Amino acid sequence: MSESALPGLAVVGGGPAGLMAAEVARAAGLEVDLYESKGSVGRKFLIAGKGGLNLTHSEPIEAFAGRYGDRVANVRNWLDPFDSAAVRAWARDLGVETFVGSSGRVFPQDMKAAPLLRAWVRRLRESGVRFHVRHSCTGWDESGALVFSTAKGELRVRASATVLALGGGSWPQLGSDGAWTGWLAGDTGIATLKPSNCGFDLDWSEHFAARFAGQPIKPAWLTLTDDDGSRKQFQGEFVVTSHGIEGSLIYALSSRLRDAIERNGPLRIELDLAPGRSAERILAALSRPRQGRSLSEFLRRNAGIQGVQAGLVQELVAKSDTTDPVALTRWIKALPLVLLRPRPLAEAISTAGGVVLEDLDANLMVQSRPGVFCAGEMLDWEAPTGGYLLAASFASGRIAGQAAAGWLRES
């Protein structure tokens, strides 16, 4: 066991929030040591950028902040000093130009995460931030020193202030394993970690799963019925998987789907297999003689329903109803999908739950442990994909890093 004493800031976690906290704290004149459990920093950041790094969103701040649900007021305070324009300017300072896509999302010109991360880490190192990889934090000892598990044994670090940016519980192989919930629970309330931006399980037959897994449903029109009986329709696209469904439309609705299942058990939603075509038009088409054609061929010829959509009819509609044009039309316009449960937290894009914000002050300091700040996905907020996850992680990291510098100056 070895021990070190630092006169400055220890940042625990090398994701976007931790790197941002280190950057602003170092710019404020602090000595900064950053500890990461994996062999390199920003691993989840790199994976998030695999299909195009979505840094932030260009929509007005009122709409932007509204994406954070019950935490709109908290996150708005983080975003005000570091909005989408500020993120783009920050990336430009790193030599990475950005553009606004047709959906309003902001991407690097080359769509890649690696060049930005390399430039960022290089600048941090050149500024004097010290990196310590393969250092897994296991909490504090009785004297208040941070304890790390390393390849060389246990290390104890006495820092003047600490920023914890340990991530949530999704993609644990990249470092965000949620283990901190065990040792931090004595200092602050922690809302149970839950999957967010995730897929859901359905009870497919083996035949359907084997044949149609990976097939997209687009355009997809889903109808949800709320607890009060009101019905809402949502448009987008999603993908059938071997275990259920996932994809952009499902991710966007995941928090309300997950919460509804928690309240009431398996959730029935409805899928319109013929969006844009009226029930009357479909009924007229399905009332024509089949002339010995199979159901799939009949649906393709008469109603334009084929592939995975026709497979869903055969999977979910009783055989007796497939020969009744009225009943079959009803199912095609409102095919029930019963969601059993969200996919496991480890598979989710992001995490809901975490450190309860009411136990932190406005600067994200743990009220029961002065000098300890929290940032990023380990905080109790969630947001859809579309730049909102990274934006709040960046912004909260800046708040925590700046606040740690201010706290040290005052104390």
Protein backbone atom coordinates (compact mmCIF):
# COMPACT_ATOMS: atom_id res chain seq x y z
CA MET A 1 0.00 0.00 0.00
CA SER A 2 1.27 3.47 -0.87
CA GLU A 3 -0.03 6.94 -0.11
CA SER A 4 0.28 10.32 -1.77
CA ALA A 5 -0.81 13.79 -0.74
CA LEU A 6 -1.96 16.25 -3.39
CA PRO A 7 -2.33 19.98 -2.86
CA GLY A 8 -4.91 20.25 -5.63
CA LEU A 9 -7.80 18.43 -7.25
CA ALA A 10 -8.35 14.72 -7.82
CA VAL A 11 -10.74 13.98 -10.69
CA VAL A 12 -12.02 10.41 -10.59
CA GLY A 13 -13.31 9.25 -13.96
CA GLY A 14 -11.96 9.92 -17.46
CA GLY A 15 -15.18 10.39 -19.39
CA PRO A 16 -16.45 13.68 -20.86
CA ALA A 17 -17.53 15.11 -17.47
CA GLY A 18 -14.25 14.22 -15.77
CA LEU A 19 -12.11 15.55 -18.62
CA MET A 20 -14.08 18.80 -18.67
CA ALA A 21 -13.77 19.20 -14.90
CA ALA A 22 -10.02 18.65 -15.18
CA GLU A 23 -9.75 21.20 -17.99
CA VAL A 24 -11.49 24.08 -16.23
CA ALA A 25 -9.87 23.36 -12.86
CA ARG A 26 -6.41 23.36 -14.42
CA ALA A 27 -7.23 26.60 -16.28
CA ALA A 28 -8.13 28.08 -12.87
CA GLY A 29 -4.63 27.28 -11.62
CA LEU A 30 -5.17 24.04 -9.71
CA GLU A 31 -2.86 21.07 -9.74
CA VAL A 32 -5.02 18.32 -11.26
CA ASP A 33 -4.62 14.55 -11.17
CA LEU A 34 -7.13 12.49 -13.12
CA TYR A 35 -7.74 8.82 -12.28
CA GLU A 36 -9.33 6.35 -14.70
CA SER A 37 -10.16 2.69 -14.05
CA LYS A 38 -9.48 1.57 -17.62
CA GLY A 39 -6.24 1.69 -19.60
CA SER A 40 -7.24 4.88 -21.42
CA VAL A 41 -9.73 7.71 -21.00
CA GLY A 42 -12.87 8.44 -23.02
CA ARG A 43 -13.71 4.88 -24.02
CA LYS A 44 -17.48 5.36 -23.92
CA PHE A 45 -17.03 8.70 -25.71
CA LEU A 46 -15.31 6.85 -28.55
CA ILE A 47 -18.03 4.20 -28.78
CA ALA A 48 -20.75 6.86 -28.70
CA GLY A 49 -19.13 8.41 -31.76
CA LYS A 50 -18.97 5.19 -33.73
CA GLY A 51 -21.92 6.10 -35.93
CA GLY A 52 -21.13 9.83 -35.87
CA LEU A 53 -20.27 11.83 -32.76
CA ASN A 54 -23.34 13.86 -31.76
CA LEU A 55 -21.81 16.58 -29.57
CA THR A 56 -24.86 18.71 -28.83
CA HIS A 57 -28.08 20.07 -30.38
CA SER A 58 -28.70 23.44 -31.98
CA GLU A 59 -32.29 23.98 -30.85
CA PRO A 60 -33.15 27.00 -28.63
CA ILE A 61 -32.18 26.65 -24.99
CA GLU A 62 -35.79 26.52 -23.76
CA ALA A 63 -36.55 23.48 -25.93
CA PHE A 64 -33.09 22.03 -25.25
CA ALA A 65 -33.49 22.16 -21.47
CA GLY A 66 -36.98 20.73 -21.77
CA ARG A 67 -35.47 17.42 -22.94
CA TYR A 68 -34.35 16.69 -19.37
CA GLY A 69 -37.82 16.07 -17.95
CA ASP A 70 -38.14 16.63 -14.22
CA ARG A 71 -34.57 17.94 -14.07
CA VAL A 72 -35.13 20.78 -16.53
CA ALA A 73 -34.39 23.53 -13.97
CA ASN A 74 -31.19 21.87 -12.73
CA VAL A 75 -29.78 21.10 -16.15
CA ARG A 76 -30.75 24.52 -17.49
CA ASN A 77 -28.44 26.03 -14.86
CA TRP A 78 -25.61 23.83 -16.11
CA LEU A 79 -26.25 24.58 -19.77
CA ASP A 80 -26.64 28.36 -19.55
CA PRO A 81 -22.87 29.03 -19.36
CA PHE A 82 -21.99 26.21 -21.79
CA ASP A 83 -24.68 25.97 -24.45
CA SER A 84 -24.44 24.49 -27.93
CA ALA A 85 -22.65 27.54 -29.33
CA ALA A 86 -20.07 27.27 -26.55
CA VAL A 87 -19.57 23.55 -27.25
CA ARG A 88 -18.94 24.31 -30.92
CA ALA A 89 -16.46 27.04 -30.03
CA TRP A 90 -14.70 24.68 -27.62
CA ALA A 91 -14.40 22.02 -30.34
CA ARG A 92 -13.09 24.63 -32.77
CA ASP A 93 -10.37 25.56 -30.28
CA LEU A 94 -9.31 21.93 -30.39
CA GLY A 95 -9.05 22.12 -34.18
CA VAL A 96 -12.35 20.34 -34.83
CA GLU A 97 -14.92 22.15 -36.96
CA THR A 98 -18.58 21.17 -36.54
CA PHE A 99 -21.76 21.35 -38.57
CA VAL A 100 -25.49 21.26 -37.85
CA GLY A 101 -27.30 18.32 -39.44
CA SER A 102 -30.80 18.41 -40.88
CA SER A 103 -32.22 17.24 -37.55
CA GLY A 104 -30.50 20.06 -35.65
CA ARG A 105 -27.86 17.77 -34.20
CA VAL A 106 -24.28 19.01 -34.10
CA PHE A 107 -21.45 16.80 -35.38
CA PRO A 108 -17.71 17.15 -36.09
CA GLN A 109 -17.10 17.68 -39.80
CA ASP A 110 -15.53 14.22 -40.09
CA MET A 111 -18.23 12.70 -37.81
CA LYS A 112 -15.49 11.01 -35.75
CA ALA A 113 -14.80 11.05 -32.01
CA ALA A 114 -11.16 9.94 -32.01
CA PRO A 115 -9.54 13.10 -33.48
CA LEU A 116 -11.37 15.33 -30.99
CA LEU A 117 -10.50 13.09 -28.03
CA ARG A 118 -6.83 12.91 -29.04
CA ALA A 119 -6.61 16.68 -29.35
CA TRP A 120 -8.39 17.16 -26.03
CA VAL A 121 -6.17 14.75 -24.10
CA ARG A 122 -3.06 16.21 -25.71
CA ARG A 123 -4.08 19.72 -24.64
CA LEU A 124 -4.85 18.55 -21.11
CA ARG A 125 -1.47 16.87 -20.80
CA GLU A 126 0.31 19.93 -22.17
CA SER A 127 -1.53 22.11 -19.66
CA GLY A 128 -0.20 19.98 -16.81
CA VAL A 129 -3.06 17.59 -16.02
CA ARG A 130 -1.57 14.31 -14.79
CA PHE A 131 -3.28 11.09 -15.92
CA HIS A 132 -3.34 7.88 -13.88
CA VAL A 133 -4.94 4.95 -15.73
CA ARG A 134 -5.89 1.55 -14.33
CA HIS A 135 -6.76 3.18 -11.01
CA SER A 136 -10.15 1.98 -9.75
CA CYS A 137 -11.61 4.01 -6.91
CA THR A 138 -13.11 1.96 -4.08
CA GLY A 139 -14.11 4.86 -1.81
CA TRP A 140 -12.54 6.62 1.15
CA ASP A 141 -10.67 5.27 4.13
CA GLU A 142 -11.45 6.27 7.71
CA SER A 143 -9.16 9.31 7.45
CA GLY A 144 -10.86 10.64 4.29
CA ALA A 145 -8.20 9.58 1.79
CA LEU A 146 -9.35 8.27 -1.59
CA VAL A 147 -8.56 4.59 -2.02
CA PHE A 148 -7.62 3.17 -5.44
CA SER A 149 -7.02 -0.39 -6.54
CA THR A 150 -4.07 -0.55 -8.95
CA ALA A 151 -1.86 -3.17 -10.52
CA LYS A 152 0.81 -2.29 -7.95
CA GLY A 153 -1.54 -2.62 -5.01
CA GLU A 154 -3.69 -0.24 -3.03
CA LEU A 155 -3.04 3.50 -3.34
CA ARG A 156 -4.40 6.15 -0.96
CA VAL A 157 -4.61 9.74 -2.13
CA ARG A 158 -5.22 12.78 0.06
CA ALA A 159 -6.51 15.46 -2.28
CA SER A 160 -7.58 18.95 -1.27
CA ALA A 161 -10.78 18.53 -3.32
CA THR A 162 -12.33 15.80 -5.44
CA VAL A 163 -14.59 15.64 -8.50
CA LEU A 164 -16.30 12.29 -8.97
CA ALA A 165 -17.32 11.65 -12.58
CA LEU A 166 -17.80 7.91 -12.46
CA GLY A 167 -20.54 7.45 -15.04
CA GLY A 168 -23.74 5.45 -14.70
CA GLY A 169 -24.18 1.71 -15.08
CA SER A 170 -24.47 1.19 -18.84
CA TRP A 171 -21.68 -0.35 -20.92
CA PRO A 172 -19.74 -1.48 -17.80
CA GLN A 173 -16.99 -2.98 -19.94
CA LEU A 174 -16.00 0.59 -20.78
CA GLY A 175 -15.70 1.64 -17.14
CA SER A 176 -19.17 2.81 -16.06
CA ASP A 177 -20.08 -0.14 -13.89
CA GLY A 178 -22.00 1.68 -11.14
CA ALA A 179 -19.80 0.17 -8.42
CA TRP A 180 -19.60 3.59 -6.77
CA THR A 181 -23.23 3.25 -5.63
CA GLY A 182 -21.99 0.93 -2.89
CA TRP A 183 -19.38 3.15 -1.29
CA LEU A 184 -20.98 6.54 -1.95
CA ALA A 185 -24.39 5.64 -0.52
CA GLY A 186 -23.33 6.61 3.00
CA ASP A 187 -22.72 10.21 1.90
CA THR A 188 -25.65 10.98 -0.39
CA GLY A 189 -28.97 9.64 -1.56
CA ILE A 190 -28.76 7.51 -4.69
CA ALA A 191 -31.76 6.84 -6.91
CA THR A 192 -31.70 3.30 -8.29
CA LEU A 193 -29.82 3.06 -11.58
CA LYS A 194 -32.13 2.13 -14.46
CA PRO A 195 -31.68 1.64 -18.21
CA SER A 196 -32.41 4.65 -20.42
CA ASN A 197 -32.37 4.91 -24.21
CA CYS A 198 -32.80 1.15 -24.26
CA GLY A 199 -34.62 -1.66 -26.03
CA PHE A 200 -37.45 -3.77 -24.66
CA ASP A 201 -38.20 -7.48 -24.49
CA LEU A 202 -41.13 -9.11 -26.29
CA ASP A 203 -42.05 -12.77 -26.35
CA TRP A 204 -41.21 -13.61 -29.98
CA SER A 205 -41.38 -17.16 -31.24
CA GLU A 206 -38.05 -18.72 -32.16
CA HIS A 207 -39.10 -18.79 -35.82
CA PHE A 208 -39.95 -15.09 -35.96
CA ALA A 209 -36.83 -14.03 -34.03
CA ALA A 210 -34.54 -16.11 -36.25
CA ARG A 211 -36.10 -14.85 -39.47
CA PHE A 212 -36.66 -11.17 -38.78
CA ALA A 213 -34.09 -10.04 -36.18
CA GLY A 214 -32.35 -6.93 -37.50
CA GLN A 215 -35.21 -5.92 -39.79
CA PRO A 216 -36.32 -2.26 -39.55
CA ILE A 217 -39.87 -1.01 -39.18
CA LYS A 218 -40.05 2.28 -41.04
CA PRO A 219 -42.00 4.38 -41.07
CA ALA A 220 -43.33 3.26 -37.69
CA TRP A 221 -46.42 4.76 -36.08
CA LEU A 222 -46.82 3.73 -32.45
CA THR A 223 -49.76 4.55 -30.19
CA LEU A 224 -49.45 4.61 -26.40
CA THR A 225 -52.35 4.70 -23.97
CA ASP A 226 -51.56 6.59 -20.76
CA ASP A 227 -52.87 5.68 -17.33
CA ASP A 228 -55.66 8.24 -17.73
CA GLY A 229 -56.83 6.60 -20.95
CA SER A 230 -55.51 9.29 -23.31
CA ARG A 231 -53.89 8.03 -26.50
CA LYS A 232 -50.83 9.53 -28.16
CA GLN A 233 -49.25 8.59 -31.47
CA PHE A 234 -45.51 8.77 -32.20
CA GLN A 235 -43.70 8.44 -35.51
CA GLY A 236 -40.18 7.29 -36.27
CA GLU A 237 -38.48 3.96 -36.87
CA PHE A 238 -37.23 1.00 -34.88
CA VAL A 239 -35.69 -2.42 -35.37
CA VAL A 240 -36.91 -5.91 -34.51
CA THR A 241 -34.31 -7.82 -32.48
CA SER A 242 -34.04 -11.43 -31.38
CA HIS A 243 -35.40 -10.44 -27.98
CA GLY A 244 -37.78 -7.57 -28.79
CA ILE A 245 -37.46 -4.09 -30.28
CA GLU A 246 -34.98 -1.21 -30.17
CA GLY A 247 -33.98 1.81 -32.19
CA SER A 248 -34.43 5.57 -32.32
CA LEU A 249 -38.20 5.75 -31.77
CA ILE A 250 -38.03 3.25 -28.90
CA TYR A 251 -35.07 5.03 -27.32
CA ALA A 252 -36.93 8.35 -27.46
CA LEU A 253 -39.88 6.79 -25.61
CA SER A 254 -37.85 4.54 -23.33
CA SER A 255 -38.27 6.49 -20.10
CA ARG A 256 -42.07 6.59 -20.31
CA LEU A 257 -42.23 2.94 -21.46
CA ARG A 258 -39.94 1.83 -18.62
CA ASP A 259 -41.84 3.81 -16.01
CA ALA A 260 -45.21 2.51 -17.24
CA ILE A 261 -43.97 -1.08 -16.96
CA GLU A 262 -42.70 -0.37 -13.44
CA ARG A 263 -46.13 0.94 -12.45
CA ASN A 264 -48.41 -1.53 -14.18
CA GLY A 265 -46.45 -4.51 -15.48
CA PRO A 266 -46.22 -5.54 -19.16
CA LEU A 267 -47.25 -2.69 -21.43
CA ARG A 268 -49.37 -2.91 -24.56
CA ILE A 269 -48.57 -0.50 -27.35
CA GLU A 270 -50.09 -0.48 -30.84
CA LEU A 271 -48.35 -0.42 -34.21
CA ASP A 272 -50.00 0.83 -37.40
CA LEU A 273 -48.70 -1.42 -40.18
CA ALA A 274 -50.26 0.75 -42.89
CA PRO A 275 -49.61 4.38 -41.91
CA GLY A 276 -51.12 6.86 -44.31
CA ARG A 277 -53.77 4.43 -45.51
CA SER A 278 -57.24 4.51 -44.01
CA ALA A 279 -58.93 1.51 -42.48
CA GLU A 280 -61.59 1.75 -45.21
CA ARG A 281 -58.97 1.48 -47.93
CA ILE A 282 -57.30 -1.48 -46.23
CA LEU A 283 -60.64 -3.23 -45.69
CA ALA A 284 -61.56 -2.84 -49.36
CA ALA A 285 -58.21 -4.36 -50.38
CA LEU A 286 -58.48 -7.27 -47.94
CA SER A 287 -62.06 -8.04 -48.99
CA ARG A 288 -60.91 -9.22 -52.42
CA PRO A 289 -60.79 -12.99 -53.07
CA ARG A 290 -57.56 -14.66 -52.03
CA GLN A 291 -57.55 -17.09 -54.94
CA GLY A 292 -55.52 -19.62 -52.99
CA ARG A 293 -52.68 -17.24 -52.16
CA SER A 294 -50.77 -17.54 -48.88
CA LEU A 295 -51.40 -14.91 -46.24
CA SER A 296 -48.02 -13.23 -46.83
CA GLU A 297 -48.56 -13.11 -50.60
CA PHE A 298 -52.12 -11.86 -50.17
CA LEU A 299 -50.96 -9.06 -47.82
CA ARG A 300 -48.19 -8.08 -50.20
CA ARG A 301 -50.38 -7.94 -53.30
CA ASN A 302 -53.48 -6.38 -51.81
CA ALA A 303 -52.27 -4.21 -48.92
CA GLY A 304 -48.60 -3.56 -49.65
CA ILE A 305 -47.64 -5.25 -46.38
CA GLN A 306 -44.59 -7.46 -46.70
CA GLY A 307 -41.38 -8.59 -45.06
CA VAL A 308 -41.19 -8.08 -41.31
CA GLN A 309 -44.58 -6.31 -41.25
CA ALA A 310 -46.26 -9.38 -42.75
CA GLY A 311 -44.23 -11.51 -40.35
CA LEU A 312 -45.66 -9.55 -37.43
CA VAL A 313 -49.20 -10.29 -38.63
CA GLN A 314 -48.47 -14.00 -38.79
CA GLU A 315 -46.71 -13.88 -35.42
CA LEU A 316 -49.35 -11.95 -33.46
CA VAL A 317 -52.75 -12.34 -35.13
CA ALA A 318 -54.89 -15.40 -34.44
CA LYS A 319 -55.26 -17.58 -37.53
CA SER A 320 -59.04 -17.26 -37.45
CA ASP A 321 -58.77 -13.48 -37.72
CA THR A 322 -56.44 -13.62 -40.71
CA THR A 323 -59.34 -14.90 -42.84
CA ASP A 324 -61.77 -12.21 -41.62
CA PRO A 325 -61.20 -8.94 -43.54
CA VAL A 326 -62.78 -6.79 -40.80
CA ALA A 327 -60.75 -8.35 -38.00
CA LEU A 328 -57.54 -8.38 -40.06
CA THR A 329 -57.96 -4.69 -40.92
CA ARG A 330 -58.39 -3.86 -37.24
CA TRP A 331 -55.15 -5.67 -36.37
CA ILE A 332 -53.21 -4.08 -39.23
CA LYS A 333 -54.19 -0.58 -38.09
CA ALA A 334 -53.56 -1.32 -34.39
CA LEU A 335 -51.32 -4.35 -33.97
CA PRO A 336 -50.66 -4.91 -30.24
CA LEU A 337 -47.06 -5.29 -29.09
CA VAL A 338 -46.67 -6.28 -25.43
CA LEU A 339 -43.45 -4.96 -23.90
CA LEU A 340 -42.39 -7.18 -21.02
CA ARG A 341 -39.41 -5.32 -19.57
CA PRO A 342 -36.56 -3.01 -20.58
CA ARG A 343 -33.34 -4.65 -21.66
CA PRO A 344 -30.65 -4.94 -18.96
CA LEU A 345 -28.88 -1.80 -17.74
CA ALA A 346 -25.55 -3.03 -19.11
CA GLU A 347 -26.95 -2.88 -22.66
CA ALA A 348 -28.55 0.56 -22.40
CA ILE A 349 -27.10 3.61 -24.11
CA SER A 350 -27.38 5.62 -20.90
CA THR A 351 -28.53 5.52 -17.29
CA ALA A 352 -31.38 7.01 -15.30
CA GLY A 353 -31.01 7.46 -11.55
CA GLY A 354 -27.85 8.19 -9.61
CA VAL A 355 -26.75 10.77 -7.05
CA VAL A 356 -29.84 12.66 -5.90
CA LEU A 357 -29.42 16.31 -6.84
CA GLU A 358 -31.22 17.50 -3.70
CA ASP A 359 -28.25 16.19 -1.67
CA LEU A 360 -25.86 18.42 -3.62
CA ASP A 361 -25.58 22.17 -3.51
CA ALA A 362 -26.04 24.38 -6.57
CA ASN A 363 -22.37 23.80 -7.46
CA LEU A 364 -22.76 20.00 -7.34
CA MET A 365 -20.87 19.62 -4.05
CA VAL A 366 -21.96 16.79 -1.74
CA GLN A 367 -23.44 18.62 1.22
CA SER A 368 -22.40 15.96 3.72
CA ARG A 369 -18.81 15.85 2.42
CA PRO A 370 -17.45 19.35 1.69
CA GLY A 371 -14.87 19.48 -1.09
CA VAL A 372 -16.38 16.51 -2.98
CA PHE A 373 -18.24 17.31 -6.19
CA CYS A 374 -20.14 15.03 -8.59
CA ALA A 375 -20.69 15.39 -12.33
CA GLY A 376 -21.89 13.62 -15.44
CA GLU A 377 -24.04 10.56 -15.84
CA MET A 378 -23.66 9.48 -12.22
CA LEU A 379 -26.09 12.31 -11.34
CA ASP A 380 -29.84 11.65 -11.23
CA TRP A 381 -30.97 12.93 -14.63
CA GLU A 382 -31.70 11.40 -18.00
CA ALA A 383 -32.21 12.62 -21.54
CA PRO A 384 -32.85 11.23 -25.01
CA THR A 385 -30.08 10.75 -27.53
CA GLY A 386 -29.46 13.62 -29.92
CA GLY A 387 -26.57 15.43 -28.26
CA TYR A 388 -28.37 15.91 -24.96
CA LEU A 389 -26.40 13.26 -23.05
CA LEU A 390 -22.99 14.66 -23.95
CA ALA A 391 -24.12 18.27 -23.54
CA ALA A 392 -25.22 17.77 -19.93
CA SER A 393 -22.10 15.74 -19.14
CA PHE A 394 -19.84 18.48 -20.51
CA ALA A 395 -21.78 21.22 -18.74
CA SER A 396 -21.99 19.51 -15.34
CA GLY A 397 -18.26 18.69 -15.51
CA ARG A 398 -17.51 22.38 -16.06
CA ILE A 399 -19.72 23.38 -13.13
CA ALA A 400 -18.01 20.87 -10.81
CA GLY A 401 -14.47 21.74 -11.91
CA GLN A 402 -15.02 25.47 -11.57
CA ALA A 403 -16.77 25.04 -8.23
CA ALA A 404 -13.94 22.90 -6.89
CA ALA A 405 -11.46 25.63 -7.83
CA GLY A 406 -13.62 28.26 -6.15
CA TRP A 407 -14.08 26.15 -3.03
CA LEU A 408 -10.33 25.64 -2.70
CA ARG A 409 -9.66 29.35 -3.09
CA GLU A 410 -12.19 30.16 -0.36
CA SER A 411 -11.04 27.48 2.04
